[in-house]
Amino acid sequence: MASKRPQGEKRGGTKNMVLRLDSELAEQLQLVAEAEGRSVSEVVREAIAEAVERRRGDDQFIRLLEENLRRHQRLLELLRDRDGRR
C-alpha cells in the first residue's frame, strides 16, 4: 500500500526546516495533533499546503508577485546596463 503524501510533496523531495512557535501555540498544535492521532509535522505540512493553495487563488497575492517580478526585472536591467552586457 502506497503512503499518502501531502499535496505538493514529491517522492524523496523533503527538506528539513526550523519553525519557531511561541509556547502557547506550540501546545495548541500538539493538542490538535494528538486529538487527530497525527504527528505535529503532518498537521503543520497540511496547514502550510492549505495556506499556499489559498494564495494561488488570491488576486491580491498574485498582484504582489507580479509587482515583485517587475521590480526584479528592472534591477536586472540596471545591473546589465552597468556591466555593458546589454
Protein backbone atom coordinates (compact mmCIF):
# COMPACT_ATOMS: atom_id res chain seq x y z
CA MET A 1 0.00 0.00 0.00
CA ALA A 2 1.47 3.37 -1.03
CA SER A 3 1.70 6.04 1.65
CA LYS A 4 -0.32 9.18 1.14
CA ARG A 5 1.84 12.29 0.66
CA PRO A 6 0.71 15.85 1.37
CA GLN A 7 -0.16 17.82 -1.76
CA GLY A 8 2.99 19.14 -3.44
CA GLU A 9 5.39 16.72 -1.76
CA LYS A 10 7.46 14.84 -4.28
CA ARG A 11 8.97 11.42 -3.74
CA GLY A 12 12.29 11.82 -1.94
CA GLY A 13 11.94 15.61 -2.10
CA THR A 14 11.73 16.63 1.53
CA LYS A 15 13.52 19.49 3.25
CA ASN A 16 14.10 19.95 6.95
CA MET A 17 13.14 23.36 8.31
CA VAL A 18 13.19 25.05 11.69
CA LEU A 19 9.94 26.53 12.89
CA ARG A 20 9.80 28.70 15.99
CA LEU A 21 6.45 28.99 17.74
CA ASP A 22 5.51 30.65 20.99
CA SER A 23 4.88 28.10 23.72
CA GLU A 24 1.10 28.58 23.74
CA LEU A 25 0.74 27.98 20.01
CA ALA A 26 3.12 25.00 20.17
CA GLU A 27 1.00 23.47 22.94
CA GLN A 28 -2.20 24.01 20.97
CA LEU A 29 -0.60 22.45 17.90
CA GLN A 30 0.44 19.42 19.94
CA LEU A 31 -3.12 19.06 21.24
CA VAL A 32 -4.55 19.19 17.70
CA ALA A 33 -2.09 16.55 16.53
CA GLU A 34 -2.83 14.29 19.50
CA ALA A 35 -6.60 14.67 19.13
CA GLU A 36 -6.37 13.72 15.44
CA GLY A 37 -3.90 10.90 16.01
CA ARG A 38 -1.33 12.51 13.74
CA SER A 39 2.17 13.87 14.11
CA VAL A 40 2.79 17.57 14.62
CA SER A 41 4.80 17.55 11.38
CA GLU A 42 1.86 16.13 9.46
CA VAL A 43 -0.52 18.78 10.84
CA VAL A 44 1.95 21.57 10.02
CA ARG A 45 2.58 20.26 6.48
CA GLU A 46 -1.16 20.15 5.83
CA ALA A 47 -1.67 23.70 7.17
CA ILE A 48 1.18 25.06 5.04
CA ALA A 49 -0.10 23.29 1.92
CA GLU A 50 -3.56 24.80 2.52
CA ALA A 51 -2.09 28.29 3.02
CA VAL A 52 -0.07 28.04 -0.20
CA GLU A 53 -3.12 26.81 -2.12
CA ARG A 54 -5.22 29.74 -0.82
CA ARG A 55 -2.54 32.15 -2.10
CA ARG A 56 -2.78 30.64 -5.60
CA GLY A 57 -6.35 31.90 -5.88
CA ASP A 58 -5.76 35.24 -4.14
CA ASP A 59 -5.77 38.08 -6.69
CA GLN A 60 -4.05 40.47 -4.29
CA PHE A 61 -1.23 37.97 -3.73
CA ILE A 62 -0.86 37.41 -7.48
CA ARG A 63 -0.58 41.19 -7.98
CA LEU A 64 2.11 41.32 -5.29
CA LEU A 65 4.06 38.60 -7.09
CA GLU A 66 3.73 40.47 -10.37
CA GLU A 67 4.98 43.70 -8.76
CA ASN A 68 7.96 41.85 -7.30
CA LEU A 69 8.70 40.34 -10.69
CA ARG A 70 8.63 43.77 -12.37
CA ARG A 71 10.90 45.22 -9.67
CA HIS A 72 13.40 42.39 -10.03
CA GLN A 73 13.32 42.72 -13.80
CA ARG A 74 14.15 46.45 -13.51
CA LEU A 75 17.03 45.69 -11.14
CA LEU A 76 18.38 43.05 -13.51
CA GLU A 77 18.22 45.53 -16.40
CA LEU A 78 20.06 48.15 -14.32
CA LEU A 79 22.79 45.66 -13.48
CA ARG A 80 23.14 44.63 -17.10
CA ASP A 81 23.33 48.28 -18.21
CA ARG A 82 26.10 48.99 -15.71
CA ASP A 83 28.11 45.98 -16.84
CA GLY A 84 27.62 46.80 -20.53
CA ARG A 85 26.07 43.39 -21.15
CA ARG A 86 23.03 44.60 -22.96
